[in-house]
Amino acid sequence: MAPIRLVLLDVDGCLIAGEAKPWNFGVMEFIAQSNRRAREDPSQFAVTLCTGRQEPYVEAIMQAIDGHLPAIYENGGGLYFPAPYRFAVNPTFTPQMHESLVEIRHRLGRELVQRGLAQIQPGKEVSVTLYPARADIGFPQLAELASRALDGMLNGFSIHVSLTTVEILPPGIDKGAGAEWLAQETGIALADMAGIGDAPADLAYLRKCGASATTANAPDAVKRAVQYVSPYPDSLGTQDILQRWINRAAAR
């Protein structure tokens, strides 16, 4: 296995336990120390994010982990560059897709939000994230409601249901495509990247990376697909995985 140069880290389920859960500042500082070492020593790997979260949230976490390489936000819909400070929307996201997204958001607002069935997460530019507005609506049911509301107008957009969200993504955009774009921007080959993720949507980049791992809270489908499964959940699992890779690099 080639030495790891960059780790792609999912947020929910890997760095935090999920929406509205507290950050583990000790683990964030552990990651920040890894990034500081990587800036001084090219043989050490850096850590960045690969998440469905929106750019402002990603920027805040990147500051907390002292990240210096670009981070993937909105499931590959955009890249945040700490230095020089800038943002980029995925070049495959066309003006026509933007128009379709505006129409999708408007229809969901009318059919689901105004009827008290769903909430749309604010702050996203190239995708839509839905949450149930009632306790009796689960995520699979919410995805079905969204599918009915958007019948005939998806125009290639796709609906993805997870344990914690319903995501509506443009055609050709997912975390795997985001990882490929990141490789082009950084010059770091996917074979020299490692991925940490816990959800089925993360397999799109975990399968492309040279090394892959997941935390104890991941479903079996993800555990079967990666090279290492930490016995610890969430941020503690991520720290365990990173320490394992640090130890392996030191033993070379």
Foldseek 3Di string as FASTA:
>chain_A
DDAAAEEEEEADFAQAVDPPGDGDLVLLQVLLVQQVVCVVDSSGHHYAYQYLAADVVRVVSCVSNVHQAWHHYNQLQKIAHVVVGDIDGPPVCDPVQQVLQVVLVVLCCVQAVVVQFWDWDPRHRFKTKIDGSDPVAAQVNVLVSSCVSCPPRLQQWDWDTWRGIIMTGHHPGGSLNNVVVSCVVPVPAQQNYEYEDATPSRCSSNVSHVAYEYEPPHDPVVHVRHDYYAPHIHHVSNSVVSVVSVVVSVVD
